[in-house]
PDB file of N, CA and C in Angstrom:
ATOM      1  N   MET A   1      13.736 -36.273  53.736  1.00  0.00           N
ATOM      2  CA  MET A   1      15.024 -36.812  53.324  1.00  0.00           C
ATOM      3  C   MET A   1      16.113 -36.064  54.087  1.00  0.00           C
ATOM      4  N   ALA A   2      17.068 -36.795  54.637  1.00  0.00           N
ATOM      5  CA  ALA A   2      18.174 -36.210  55.392  1.00  0.00           C
ATOM      6  C   ALA A   2      19.078 -35.397  54.469  1.00  0.00           C
ATOM      7  N   ASP A   3      19.764 -34.417  55.046  1.00  0.00           N
ATOM      8  CA  ASP A   3      20.652 -33.542  54.280  1.00  0.00           C
ATOM      9  C   ASP A   3      21.696 -34.335  53.500  1.00  0.00           C
ATOM     10  N   LYS A   4      22.261 -35.384  54.127  1.00  0.00           N
ATOM     11  CA  LYS A   4      23.274 -36.193  53.431  1.00  0.00           C
ATOM     12  C   LYS A   4      22.671 -36.928  52.238  1.00  0.00           C
ATOM     13  N   ASP A   5      21.392 -37.309  52.355  1.00  0.00           N
ATOM     14  CA  ASP A   5      20.719 -37.985  51.245  1.00  0.00           C
ATOM     15  C   ASP A   5      20.462 -37.023  50.090  1.00  0.00           C
ATOM     16  N   VAL A   6      20.087 -35.783  50.428  1.00  0.00           N
ATOM     17  CA  VAL A   6      19.883 -34.753  49.402  1.00  0.00           C
ATOM     18  C   VAL A   6      21.204 -34.480  48.686  1.00  0.00           C
ATOM     19  N   LEU A   7      22.277 -34.375  49.457  1.00  0.00           N
ATOM     20  CA  LEU A   7      23.607 -34.152  48.885  1.00  0.00           C
ATOM     21  C   LEU A   7      23.995 -35.312  47.970  1.00  0.00           C
ATOM     22  N   GLY A   8      23.779 -36.535  48.429  1.00  0.00           N
ATOM     23  CA  GLY A   8      24.112 -37.714  47.632  1.00  0.00           C
ATOM     24  C   GLY A   8      23.326 -37.778  46.340  1.00  0.00           C
ATOM     25  N   ARG A   9      22.031 -37.477  46.420  1.00  0.00           N
ATOM     26  CA  ARG A   9      21.179 -37.490  45.217  1.00  0.00           C
ATOM     27  C   ARG A   9      21.661 -36.443  44.213  1.00  0.00           C
ATOM     28  N   ALA A  10      22.002 -35.241  44.710  1.00  0.00           N
ATOM     29  CA  ALA A  10      22.496 -34.183  43.820  1.00  0.00           C
ATOM     30  C   ALA A  10      23.817 -34.601  43.167  1.00  0.00           C
ATOM     31  N   GLY A  11      24.672 -35.280  43.922  1.00  0.00           N
ATOM     32  CA  GLY A  11      25.923 -35.780  43.359  1.00  0.00           C
ATOM     33  C   GLY A  11      25.683 -36.820  42.279  1.00  0.00           C
ATOM     34  N   GLU A  12      24.726 -37.714  42.511  1.00  0.00           N
ATOM     35  CA  GLU A  12      24.386 -38.725  41.506  1.00  0.00           C
ATOM     36  C   GLU A  12      23.816 -38.083  40.250  1.00  0.00           C
ATOM     37  N   ASP A  13      22.998 -37.042  40.428  1.00  0.00           N
ATOM     38  CA  ASP A  13      22.455 -36.311  39.272  1.00  0.00           C
ATOM     39  C   ASP A  13      23.586 -35.706  38.449  1.00  0.00           C
ATOM     40  N   ARG A  14      24.543 -35.090  39.130  1.00  0.00           N
ATOM     41  CA  ARG A  14      25.684 -34.476  38.435  1.00  0.00           C
ATOM     42  C   ARG A  14      26.508 -35.534  37.713  1.00  0.00           C
ATOM     43  N   ALA A  15      26.741 -36.673  38.361  1.00  0.00           N
ATOM     44  CA  ALA A  15      27.515 -37.756  37.735  1.00  0.00           C
ATOM     45  C   ALA A  15      26.786 -38.290  36.502  1.00  0.00           C
ATOM     46  N   ALA A  16      25.463 -38.428  36.580  1.00  0.00           N
ATOM     47  CA  ALA A  16      24.689 -38.910  35.424  1.00  0.00           C
ATOM     48  C   ALA A  16      24.834 -37.943  34.252  1.00  0.00           C
ATOM     49  N   ARG A  17      24.730 -36.648  34.514  1.00  0.00           N
ATOM     50  CA  ARG A  17      24.899 -35.649  33.445  1.00  0.00           C
ATOM     51  C   ARG A  17      26.312 -35.708  32.859  1.00  0.00           C
ATOM     52  N   TYR A  18      27.297 -35.888  33.722  1.00  0.00           N
ATOM     53  CA  TYR A  18      28.688 -35.998  33.284  1.00  0.00           C
ATOM     54  C   TYR A  18      28.837 -37.154  32.291  1.00  0.00           C
ATOM     55  N   PHE A  19      28.296 -38.318  32.637  1.00  0.00           N
ATOM     56  CA  PHE A  19      28.409 -39.471  31.740  1.00  0.00           C
ATOM     57  C   PHE A  19      27.618 -39.255  30.453  1.00  0.00           C
ATOM     58  N   GLU A  20      26.454 -38.650  30.541  1.00  0.00           N
ATOM     59  CA  GLU A  20      25.678 -38.350  29.327  1.00  0.00           C
ATOM     60  C   GLU A  20      26.462 -37.419  28.411  1.00  0.00           C
ATOM     61  N   ASP A  21      27.138 -36.438  28.997  1.00  0.00           N
ATOM     62  CA  ASP A  21      27.955 -35.525  28.202  1.00  0.00           C
ATOM     63  C   ASP A  21      29.118 -36.250  27.509  1.00  0.00           C
ATOM     64  N   LEU A  22      29.564 -37.365  28.087  1.00  0.00           N
ATOM     65  CA  LEU A  22      30.624 -38.176  27.483  1.00  0.00           C
ATOM     66  C   LEU A  22      30.084 -39.146  26.430  1.00  0.00           C
ATOM     67  N   GLY A  23      28.754 -39.181  26.260  1.00  0.00           N
ATOM     68  CA  GLY A  23      28.150 -40.053  25.257  1.00  0.00           C
ATOM     69  C   GLY A  23      27.600 -41.363  25.794  1.00  0.00           C
ATOM     70  N   PHE A  24      27.552 -41.512  27.103  1.00  0.00           N
ATOM     71  CA  PHE A  24      26.990 -42.713  27.711  1.00  0.00           C
ATOM     72  C   PHE A  24      25.485 -42.559  27.874  1.00  0.00           C
ATOM     73  N   ALA A  25      24.786 -43.670  27.843  1.00  0.00           N
ATOM     74  CA  ALA A  25      23.356 -43.699  28.164  1.00  0.00           C
ATOM     75  C   ALA A  25      23.220 -44.196  29.596  1.00  0.00           C
ATOM     76  N   VAL A  26      22.325 -43.577  30.337  1.00  0.00           N
ATOM     77  CA  VAL A  26      22.042 -44.038  31.697  1.00  0.00           C
ATOM     78  C   VAL A  26      21.055 -45.196  31.588  1.00  0.00           C
ATOM     79  N   LEU A  27      21.470 -46.376  32.038  1.00  0.00           N
ATOM     80  CA  LEU A  27      20.620 -47.558  31.977  1.00  0.00           C
ATOM     81  C   LEU A  27      19.807 -47.752  33.247  1.00  0.00           C
ATOM     82  N   ASP A  28      20.369 -47.371  34.386  1.00  0.00           N
ATOM     83  CA  ASP A  28      19.697 -47.605  35.662  1.00  0.00           C
ATOM     84  C   ASP A  28      20.268 -46.665  36.713  1.00  0.00           C
ATOM     85  N   ARG A  29      19.431 -46.343  37.698  1.00  0.00           N
ATOM     86  CA  ARG A  29      19.867 -45.523  38.831  1.00  0.00           C
ATOM     87  C   ARG A  29      19.336 -46.143  40.106  1.00  0.00           C
ATOM     88  N   ASN A  30      20.174 -46.160  41.115  1.00  0.00           N
ATOM     89  CA  ASN A  30      19.797 -46.676  42.431  1.00  0.00           C
ATOM     90  C   ASN A  30      19.188 -48.066  42.358  1.00  0.00           C
ATOM     91  N   TRP A  31      19.816 -48.937  41.569  1.00  0.00           N
ATOM     92  CA  TRP A  31      19.352 -50.320  41.442  1.00  0.00           C
ATOM     93  C   TRP A  31      19.667 -51.069  42.723  1.00  0.00           C
ATOM     94  N   ARG A  32      18.682 -51.778  43.229  1.00  0.00           N
ATOM     95  CA  ARG A  32      18.843 -52.481  44.499  1.00  0.00           C
ATOM     96  C   ARG A  32      18.548 -53.963  44.354  1.00  0.00           C
ATOM     97  N   CYS A  33      19.282 -54.722  45.153  1.00  0.00           N
ATOM     98  CA  CYS A  33      18.992 -56.136  45.340  1.00  0.00           C
ATOM     99  C   CYS A  33      19.302 -56.431  46.803  1.00  0.00           C
ATOM    100  N   ARG A  34      19.181 -57.668  47.198  1.00  0.00           N
ATOM    101  CA  ARG A  34      19.366 -57.987  48.613  1.00  0.00           C
ATOM    102  C   ARG A  34      20.787 -57.713  49.104  1.00  0.00           C
ATOM    103  N   ASP A  35      21.758 -57.636  48.194  1.00  0.00           N
ATOM    104  CA  ASP A  35      23.149 -57.411  48.578  1.00  0.00           C
ATOM    105  C   ASP A  35      23.549 -55.943  48.653  1.00  0.00           C
ATOM    106  N   GLY A  36      22.691 -55.035  48.182  1.00  0.00           N
ATOM    107  CA  GLY A  36      23.036 -53.626  48.242  1.00  0.00           C
ATOM    108  C   GLY A  36      22.473 -52.829  47.087  1.00  0.00           C
ATOM    109  N   GLU A  37      23.100 -51.700  46.825  1.00  0.00           N
ATOM    110  CA  GLU A  37      22.609 -50.761  45.818  1.00  0.00           C
ATOM    111  C   GLU A  37      23.751 -50.275  44.934  1.00  0.00           C
ATOM    112  N   ILE A  38      23.433 -50.115  43.644  1.00  0.00           N
ATOM    113  CA  ILE A  38      24.344 -49.498  42.682  1.00  0.00           C
ATOM    114  C   ILE A  38      23.814 -48.099  42.412  1.00  0.00           C
ATOM    115  N   ASP A  39      24.682 -47.101  42.532  1.00  0.00           N
ATOM    116  CA  ASP A  39      24.262 -45.716  42.320  1.00  0.00           C
ATOM    117  C   ASP A  39      23.822 -45.461  40.885  1.00  0.00           C
ATOM    118  N   LEU A  40      24.645 -45.906  39.942  1.00  0.00           N
ATOM    119  CA  LEU A  40      24.427 -45.538  38.545  1.00  0.00           C
ATOM    120  C   LEU A  40      24.984 -46.636  37.648  1.00  0.00           C
ATOM    121  N   ILE A  41      24.242 -46.968  36.604  1.00  0.00           N
ATOM    122  CA  ILE A  41      24.740 -47.884  35.577  1.00  0.00           C
ATOM    123  C   ILE A  41      24.600 -47.157  34.245  1.00  0.00           C
ATOM    124  N   VAL A  42      25.728 -47.009  33.540  1.00  0.00           N
ATOM    125  CA  VAL A  42      25.749 -46.302  32.269  1.00  0.00           C
ATOM    126  C   VAL A  42      26.401 -47.202  31.226  1.00  0.00           C
ATOM    127  N   ALA A  43      26.189 -46.884  29.962  1.00  0.00           N
ATOM    128  CA  ALA A  43      26.781 -47.701  28.907  1.00  0.00           C
ATOM    129  C   ALA A  43      27.070 -46.873  27.669  1.00  0.00           C
ATOM    130  N   ASP A  44      28.113 -47.293  26.976  1.00  0.00           N
ATOM    131  CA  ASP A  44      28.368 -46.821  25.623  1.00  0.00           C
ATOM    132  C   ASP A  44      28.503 -48.073  24.766  1.00  0.00           C
ATOM    133  N   ALA A  45      28.985 -47.950  23.555  1.00  0.00           N
ATOM    134  CA  ALA A  45      29.048 -49.102  22.654  1.00  0.00           C
ATOM    135  C   ALA A  45      29.987 -50.189  23.167  1.00  0.00           C
ATOM    136  N   ALA A  46      31.007 -49.814  23.923  1.00  0.00           N
ATOM    137  CA  ALA A  46      32.030 -50.773  24.343  1.00  0.00           C
ATOM    138  C   ALA A  46      31.847 -51.335  25.742  1.00  0.00           C
ATOM    139  N   ALA A  47      31.191 -50.594  26.627  1.00  0.00           N
ATOM    140  CA  ALA A  47      31.182 -51.008  28.029  1.00  0.00           C
ATOM    141  C   ALA A  47      29.879 -50.671  28.738  1.00  0.00           C
ATOM    142  N   VAL A  48      29.571 -51.507  29.705  1.00  0.00           N
ATOM    143  CA  VAL A  48      28.549 -51.206  30.704  1.00  0.00           C
ATOM    144  C   VAL A  48      29.325 -50.880  31.968  1.00  0.00           C
ATOM    145  N   VAL A  49      29.041 -49.726  32.545  1.00  0.00           N
ATOM    146  CA  VAL A  49      29.830 -49.228  33.663  1.00  0.00           C
ATOM    147  C   VAL A  49      28.950 -49.068  34.896  1.00  0.00           C
ATOM    148  N   VAL A  50      29.347 -49.746  35.958  1.00  0.00           N
ATOM    149  CA  VAL A  50      28.715 -49.577  37.260  1.00  0.00           C
ATOM    150  C   VAL A  50      29.478 -48.442  37.938  1.00  0.00           C
ATOM    151  N   VAL A  51      28.758 -47.413  38.361  1.00  0.00           N
ATOM    152  CA  VAL A  51      29.403 -46.218  38.893  1.00  0.00           C
ATOM    153  C   VAL A  51      29.048 -46.039  40.366  1.00  0.00           C
ATOM    154  N   GLU A  52      30.072 -45.927  41.188  1.00  0.00           N
ATOM    155  CA  GLU A  52      29.904 -45.580  42.596  1.00  0.00           C
ATOM    156  C   GLU A  52      30.166 -44.081  42.708  1.00  0.00           C
ATOM    157  N   VAL A  53      29.211 -43.349  43.258  1.00  0.00           N
ATOM    158  CA  VAL A  53      29.326 -41.901  43.379  1.00  0.00           C
ATOM    159  C   VAL A  53      29.490 -41.545  44.855  1.00  0.00           C
ATOM    160  N   LYS A  54      30.539 -40.791  45.158  1.00  0.00           N
ATOM    161  CA  LYS A  54      30.785 -40.323  46.520  1.00  0.00           C
ATOM    162  C   LYS A  54      30.851 -38.804  46.488  1.00  0.00           C
ATOM    163  N   THR A  55      30.011 -38.172  47.291  1.00  0.00           N
ATOM    164  CA  THR A  55      29.919 -36.716  47.320  1.00  0.00           C
ATOM    165  C   THR A  55      30.274 -36.217  48.713  1.00  0.00           C
ATOM    166  N   ARG A  56      31.160 -35.241  48.783  1.00  0.00           N
ATOM    167  CA  ARG A  56      31.577 -34.644  50.055  1.00  0.00           C
ATOM    168  C   ARG A  56      31.530 -33.122  49.934  1.00  0.00           C
ATOM    169  N   ARG A  57      31.114 -32.473  50.990  1.00  0.00           N
ATOM    170  CA  ARG A  57      31.126 -30.993  51.005  1.00  0.00           C
ATOM    171  C   ARG A  57      32.552 -30.452  51.122  1.00  0.00           C
ATOM    172  N   GLY A  58      33.416 -31.211  51.749  1.00  0.00           N
ATOM    173  CA  GLY A  58      34.811 -30.813  51.927  1.00  0.00           C
ATOM    174  C   GLY A  58      35.654 -32.049  52.144  1.00  0.00           C
ATOM    175  N   ASP A  59      36.914 -31.830  52.531  1.00  0.00           N
ATOM    176  CA  ASP A  59      37.806 -32.972  52.706  1.00  0.00           C
ATOM    177  C   ASP A  59      38.067 -33.315  54.168  1.00  0.00           C
ATOM    178  N   GLU A  60      37.280 -32.763  55.084  1.00  0.00           N
ATOM    179  CA  GLU A  60      37.508 -33.047  56.501  1.00  0.00           C
ATOM    180  C   GLU A  60      37.296 -34.518  56.862  1.00  0.00           C
ATOM    181  N   PHE A  61      36.557 -35.254  56.050  1.00  0.00           N
ATOM    182  CA  PHE A  61      36.369 -36.682  56.269  1.00  0.00           C
ATOM    183  C   PHE A  61      37.158 -37.508  55.251  1.00  0.00           C
ATOM    184  N   GLY A  62      38.111 -36.874  54.589  1.00  0.00           N
ATOM    185  CA  GLY A  62      38.942 -37.557  53.606  1.00  0.00           C
ATOM    186  C   GLY A  62      38.419 -37.388  52.190  1.00  0.00           C
ATOM    187  N   HIS A  63      39.228 -37.805  51.254  1.00  0.00           N
ATOM    188  CA  HIS A  63      38.865 -37.750  49.842  1.00  0.00           C
ATOM    189  C   HIS A  63      37.724 -38.736  49.587  1.00  0.00           C
ATOM    190  N   PRO A  64      36.795 -38.402  48.699  1.00  0.00           N
ATOM    191  CA  PRO A  64      35.681 -39.318  48.429  1.00  0.00           C
ATOM    192  C   PRO A  64      36.116 -40.731  48.056  1.00  0.00           C
ATOM    193  N   PHE A  65      37.214 -40.882  47.323  1.00  0.00           N
ATOM    194  CA  PHE A  65      37.654 -42.205  46.902  1.00  0.00           C
ATOM    195  C   PHE A  65      38.158 -43.055  48.070  1.00  0.00           C
ATOM    196  N   GLU A  66      38.545 -42.419  49.175  1.00  0.00           N
ATOM    197  CA  GLU A  66      39.007 -43.167  50.341  1.00  0.00           C
ATOM    198  C   GLU A  66      37.896 -44.037  50.927  1.00  0.00           C
ATOM    199  N   ALA A  67      36.646 -43.707  50.637  1.00  0.00           N
ATOM    200  CA  ALA A  67      35.514 -44.489  51.144  1.00  0.00           C
ATOM    201  C   ALA A  67      35.294 -45.769  50.347  1.00  0.00           C
ATOM    202  N   ILE A  68      36.028 -45.939  49.258  1.00  0.00           N
ATOM    203  CA  ILE A  68      35.866 -47.129  48.412  1.00  0.00           C
ATOM    204  C   ILE A  68      37.046 -48.060  48.689  1.00  0.00           C
ATOM    205  N   ASP A  69      36.942 -48.778  49.785  1.00  0.00           N
ATOM    206  CA  ASP A  69      38.011 -49.691  50.191  1.00  0.00           C
ATOM    207  C   ASP A  69      37.846 -51.051  49.515  1.00  0.00           C
ATOM    208  N   ALA A  70      38.724 -51.987  49.827  1.00  0.00           N
ATOM    209  CA  ALA A  70      38.707 -53.308  49.194  1.00  0.00           C
ATOM    210  C   ALA A  70      37.372 -54.019  49.407  1.00  0.00           C
ATOM    211  N   ARG A  71      36.829 -53.909  50.596  1.00  0.00           N
ATOM    212  CA  ARG A  71      35.533 -54.552  50.876  1.00  0.00           C
ATOM    213  C   ARG A  71      34.418 -53.965  50.008  1.00  0.00           C
ATOM    214  N   LYS A  72      34.416 -52.637  49.881  1.00  0.00           N
ATOM    215  CA  LYS A  72      33.410 -51.958  49.057  1.00  0.00           C
ATOM    216  C   LYS A  72      33.585 -52.342  47.587  1.00  0.00           C
ATOM    217  N   ARG A  73      34.819 -52.408  47.100  1.00  0.00           N
ATOM    218  CA  ARG A  73      35.064 -52.794  45.703  1.00  0.00           C
ATOM    219  C   ARG A  73      34.575 -54.213  45.433  1.00  0.00           C
ATOM    220  N   ALA A  74      34.828 -55.123  46.366  1.00  0.00           N
ATOM    221  CA  ALA A  74      34.356 -56.499  46.197  1.00  0.00           C
ATOM    222  C   ALA A  74      32.830 -56.534  46.155  1.00  0.00           C
ATOM    223  N   ARG A  75      32.186 -55.754  47.011  1.00  0.00           N
ATOM    224  CA  ARG A  75      30.720 -55.697  47.016  1.00  0.00           C
ATOM    225  C   ARG A  75      30.194 -55.106  45.719  1.00  0.00           C
ATOM    226  N   LEU A  76      30.866 -54.078  45.198  1.00  0.00           N
ATOM    227  CA  LEU A  76      30.452 -53.487  43.932  1.00  0.00           C
ATOM    228  C   LEU A  76      30.534 -54.501  42.799  1.00  0.00           C
ATOM    229  N   TRP A  77      31.578 -55.336  42.790  1.00  0.00           N
ATOM    230  CA  TRP A  77      31.690 -56.356  41.750  1.00  0.00           C
ATOM    231  C   TRP A  77      30.573 -57.390  41.874  1.00  0.00           C
ATOM    232  N   ARG A  78      30.242 -57.782  43.107  1.00  0.00           N
ATOM    233  CA  ARG A  78      29.123 -58.728  43.295  1.00  0.00           C
ATOM    234  C   ARG A  78      27.826 -58.114  42.783  1.00  0.00           C
ATOM    235  N   LEU A  79      27.610 -56.841  43.096  1.00  0.00           N
ATOM    236  CA  LEU A  79      26.404 -56.150  42.624  1.00  0.00           C
ATOM    237  C   LEU A  79      26.415 -56.018  41.101  1.00  0.00           C
ATOM    238  N   ALA A  80      27.575 -55.710  40.523  1.00  0.00           N
ATOM    239  CA  ALA A  80      27.680 -55.574  39.062  1.00  0.00           C
ATOM    240  C   ALA A  80      27.313 -56.884  38.378  1.00  0.00           C
ATOM    241  N   VAL A  81      27.811 -57.979  38.901  1.00  0.00           N
ATOM    242  CA  VAL A  81      27.503 -59.289  38.322  1.00  0.00           C
ATOM    243  C   VAL A  81      26.019 -59.599  38.483  1.00  0.00           C
ATOM    244  N   ALA A  82      25.445 -59.262  39.629  1.00  0.00           N
ATOM    245  CA  ALA A  82      24.006 -59.494  39.838  1.00  0.00           C
ATOM    246  C   ALA A  82      23.181 -58.677  38.847  1.00  0.00           C
ATOM    247  N   TRP A  83      23.544 -57.406  38.652  1.00  0.00           N
ATOM    248  CA  TRP A  83      22.817 -56.565  37.698  1.00  0.00           C
ATOM    249  C   TRP A  83      22.965 -57.130  36.285  1.00  0.00           C
ATOM    250  N   ALA A  84      24.203 -57.477  35.919  1.00  0.00           N
ATOM    251  CA  ALA A  84      24.465 -57.988  34.574  1.00  0.00           C
ATOM    252  C   ALA A  84      23.705 -59.280  34.304  1.00  0.00           C
ATOM    253  N   SER A  85      23.614 -60.150  35.285  1.00  0.00           N
ATOM    254  CA  SER A  85      22.909 -61.415  35.066  1.00  0.00           C
ATOM    255  C   SER A  85      21.411 -61.208  34.901  1.00  0.00           C
ATOM    256  N   SER A  86      20.876 -60.130  35.456  1.00  0.00           N
ATOM    257  CA  SER A  86      19.446 -59.858  35.278  1.00  0.00           C
ATOM    258  C   SER A  86      19.158 -58.917  34.108  1.00  0.00           C
ATOM    259  N   HIS A  87      20.200 -58.455  33.433  1.00  0.00           N
ATOM    260  CA  HIS A  87      20.066 -57.553  32.281  1.00  0.00           C
ATOM    261  C   HIS A  87      20.993 -57.999  31.152  1.00  0.00           C
ATOM    262  N   ARG A  88      20.989 -59.292  30.871  1.00  0.00           N
ATOM    263  CA  ARG A  88      21.929 -59.883  29.899  1.00  0.00           C
ATOM    264  C   ARG A  88      21.917 -59.201  28.539  1.00  0.00           C
ATOM    265  N   ALA A  89      20.748 -58.854  28.039  1.00  0.00           N
ATOM    266  CA  ALA A  89      20.654 -58.244  26.706  1.00  0.00           C
ATOM    267  C   ALA A  89      21.382 -56.906  26.649  1.00  0.00           C
ATOM    268  N   GLN A  90      21.363 -56.141  27.740  1.00  0.00           N
ATOM    269  CA  GLN A  90      22.019 -54.837  27.747  1.00  0.00           C
ATOM    270  C   GLN A  90      23.535 -54.956  27.871  1.00  0.00           C
ATOM    271  N   VAL A  91      24.008 -56.087  28.380  1.00  0.00           N
ATOM    272  CA  VAL A  91      25.435 -56.281  28.594  1.00  0.00           C
ATOM    273  C   VAL A  91      26.100 -57.003  27.435  1.00  0.00           C
ATOM    274  N   GLN A  92      25.366 -57.820  26.721  1.00  0.00           N
ATOM    275  CA  GLN A  92      25.925 -58.682  25.685  1.00  0.00           C
ATOM    276  C   GLN A  92      26.848 -57.924  24.735  1.00  0.00           C
ATOM    277  N   GLY A  93      28.057 -58.450  24.592  1.00  0.00           N
ATOM    278  CA  GLY A  93      29.029 -57.869  23.680  1.00  0.00           C
ATOM    279  C   GLY A  93      29.779 -56.670  24.233  1.00  0.00           C
ATOM    280  N   ARG A  94      29.503 -56.310  25.457  1.00  0.00           N
ATOM    281  CA  ARG A  94      30.177 -55.167  26.081  1.00  0.00           C
ATOM    282  C   ARG A  94      30.992 -55.633  27.283  1.00  0.00           C
ATOM    283  N   ARG A  95      32.011 -54.880  27.580  1.00  0.00           N
ATOM    284  CA  ARG A  95      32.828 -55.119  28.766  1.00  0.00           C
ATOM    285  C   ARG A  95      32.093 -54.556  29.987  1.00  0.00           C
ATOM    286  N   LEU A  96      32.200 -55.222  31.114  1.00  0.00           N
ATOM    287  CA  LEU A  96      31.626 -54.741  32.371  1.00  0.00           C
ATOM    288  C   LEU A  96      32.758 -54.183  33.223  1.00  0.00           C
ATOM    289  N   ARG A  97      32.591 -52.973  33.724  1.00  0.00           N
ATOM    290  CA  ARG A  97      33.632 -52.382  34.563  1.00  0.00           C
ATOM    291  C   ARG A  97      33.004 -51.558  35.685  1.00  0.00           C
ATOM    292  N   ILE A  98      33.838 -51.228  36.665  1.00  0.00           N
ATOM    293  CA  ILE A  98      33.437 -50.402  37.797  1.00  0.00           C
ATOM    294  C   ILE A  98      34.224 -49.098  37.714  1.00  0.00           C
ATOM    295  N   ASP A  99      33.518 -47.968  37.765  1.00  0.00           N
ATOM    296  CA  ASP A  99      34.147 -46.653  37.845  1.00  0.00           C
ATOM    297  C   ASP A  99      33.698 -45.987  39.139  1.00  0.00           C
ATOM    298  N   ALA A 100      34.427 -44.978  39.551  1.00  0.00           N
ATOM    299  CA  ALA A 100      34.039 -44.183  40.708  1.00  0.00           C
ATOM    300  C   ALA A 100      34.063 -42.712  40.315  1.00  0.00           C
ATOM    301  N   VAL A 101      33.090 -41.965  40.844  1.00  0.00           N
ATOM    302  CA  VAL A 101      33.061 -40.522  40.668  1.00  0.00           C
ATOM    303  C   VAL A 101      33.069 -39.909  42.059  1.00  0.00           C
ATOM    304  N   GLY A 102      34.013 -39.009  42.268  1.00  0.00           N
ATOM    305  CA  GLY A 102      34.097 -38.285  43.528  1.00  0.00           C
ATOM    306  C   GLY A 102      33.804 -36.824  43.285  1.00  0.00           C
ATOM    307  N   LEU A 103      32.929 -36.270  44.111  1.00  0.00           N
ATOM    308  CA  LEU A 103      32.593 -34.845  44.031  1.00  0.00           C
ATOM    309  C   LEU A 103      32.945 -34.201  45.366  1.00  0.00           C
ATOM    310  N   THR A 104      33.698 -33.110  45.314  1.00  0.00           N
ATOM    311  CA  THR A 104      34.083 -32.402  46.528  1.00  0.00           C
ATOM    312  C   THR A 104      33.783 -30.927  46.352  1.00  0.00           C
ATOM    313  N   GLY A 105      32.918 -30.397  47.217  1.00  0.00           N
ATOM    314  CA  GLY A 105      32.583 -28.981  47.179  1.00  0.00           C
ATOM    315  C   GLY A 105      31.278 -28.706  47.880  1.00  0.00           C
ATOM    316  N   ALA A 106      31.042 -27.451  48.203  1.00  0.00           N
ATOM    317  CA  ALA A 106      29.858 -27.057  48.956  1.00  0.00           C
ATOM    318  C   ALA A 106      28.568 -27.392  48.218  1.00  0.00           C
ATOM    319  N   GLU A 107      28.586 -27.246  46.899  1.00  0.00           N
ATOM    320  CA  GLU A 107      27.402 -27.529  46.085  1.00  0.00           C
ATOM    321  C   GLU A 107      27.770 -28.518  44.986  1.00  0.00           C
ATOM    322  N   PRO A 108      27.052 -29.634  44.865  1.00  0.00           N
ATOM    323  CA  PRO A 108      27.387 -30.618  43.837  1.00  0.00           C
ATOM    324  C   PRO A 108      27.417 -30.051  42.416  1.00  0.00           C
ATOM    325  N   ALA A 109      26.590 -29.056  42.146  1.00  0.00           N
ATOM    326  CA  ALA A 109      26.546 -28.488  40.793  1.00  0.00           C
ATOM    327  C   ALA A 109      27.866 -27.843  40.392  1.00  0.00           C
ATOM    328  N   THR A 110      28.636 -27.362  41.381  1.00  0.00           N
ATOM    329  CA  THR A 110      29.898 -26.691  41.077  1.00  0.00           C
ATOM    330  C   THR A 110      31.096 -27.389  41.711  1.00  0.00           C
ATOM    331  N   ALA A 111      30.870 -28.529  42.337  1.00  0.00           N
ATOM    332  CA  ALA A 111      31.937 -29.251  43.030  1.00  0.00           C
ATOM    333  C   ALA A 111      32.972 -29.780  42.047  1.00  0.00           C
ATOM    334  N   LEU A 112      34.172 -30.004  42.554  1.00  0.00           N
ATOM    335  CA  LEU A 112      35.218 -30.652  41.774  1.00  0.00           C
ATOM    336  C   LEU A 112      34.779 -32.088  41.517  1.00  0.00           C
ATOM    337  N   LEU A 113      34.723 -32.483  40.244  1.00  0.00           N
ATOM    338  CA  LEU A 113      34.334 -33.842  39.875  1.00  0.00           C
ATOM    339  C   LEU A 113      35.580 -34.580  39.404  1.00  0.00           C
ATOM    340  N   GLU A 114      35.834 -35.736  40.015  1.00  0.00           N
ATOM    341  CA  GLU A 114      36.945 -36.597  39.621  1.00  0.00           C
ATOM    342  C   GLU A 114      36.381 -37.952  39.220  1.00  0.00           C
ATOM    343  N   HIS A 115      36.916 -38.516  38.156  1.00  0.00           N
ATOM    344  CA  HIS A 115      36.420 -39.778  37.602  1.00  0.00           C
ATOM    345  C   HIS A 115      37.561 -40.787  37.603  1.00  0.00           C
ATOM    346  N   LEU A 116      37.376 -41.865  38.337  1.00  0.00           N
ATOM    347  CA  LEU A 116      38.341 -42.946  38.391  1.00  0.00           C
ATOM    348  C   LEU A 116      37.803 -44.092  37.545  1.00  0.00           C
ATOM    349  N   VAL A 117      38.507 -44.411  36.460  1.00  0.00           N
ATOM    350  CA  VAL A 117      38.067 -45.423  35.507  1.00  0.00           C
ATOM    351  C   VAL A 117      38.622 -46.791  35.906  1.00  0.00           C
ATOM    352  N   ASP A 118      37.748 -47.785  35.845  1.00  0.00           N
ATOM    353  CA  ASP A 118      38.152 -49.182  36.024  1.00  0.00           C
ATOM    354  C   ASP A 118      38.780 -49.445  37.381  1.00  0.00           C
ATOM    355  N   VAL A 119      37.973 -49.302  38.409  1.00  0.00           N
ATOM    356  CA  VAL A 119      38.417 -49.551  39.781  1.00  0.00           C
ATOM    357  C   VAL A 119      38.894 -50.996  39.877  1.00  0.00           C
ATOM    358  N   GLU A 120      40.037 -51.192  40.475  1.00  0.00           N
ATOM    359  CA  GLU A 120      40.647 -52.520  40.550  1.00  0.00           C
ATOM    360  C   GLU A 120      39.868 -53.465  41.442  1.00  0.00           C
ATOM    361  N   VAL A 121      39.927 -54.726  41.092  1.00  0.00           N
ATOM    362  CA  VAL A 121      39.349 -55.783  41.921  1.00  0.00           C
ATOM    363  C   VAL A 121      40.285 -55.989  43.102  1.00  0.00           C
ATOM    364  N   PRO A 122      39.742 -56.138  44.317  1.00  0.00           N
ATOM    365  CA  PRO A 122      40.633 -56.332  45.476  1.00  0.00           C
ATOM    366  C   PRO A 122      41.394 -57.642  45.388  1.00  0.00           C
TER     367      PRO A 122
END
């Protein structure tokens, strides 16, 4: 596994723990379909949340959220709808939303974690 993949996996692990600490259940990780991949799907009583996780060792390539442009947000919504349509029972009665988690630091375990709730539709 490439170093960037190890870093990304560690960031996703940290984000999953963060959501569990907030009372969310992790429903799925690295869910894939022909249109792409969702890093994390979590839920509480009110919402099913598709989470995009971006992990950076530093800011030399910009803030992690800068990588989530309008095209990426539109793709995330398409993926969220695809996941929801194949998991109707888990979504029923809950709101579907997209969140982003950005981690910046040398080690994901101690990196600065930022949580952007309800990423806007482009």
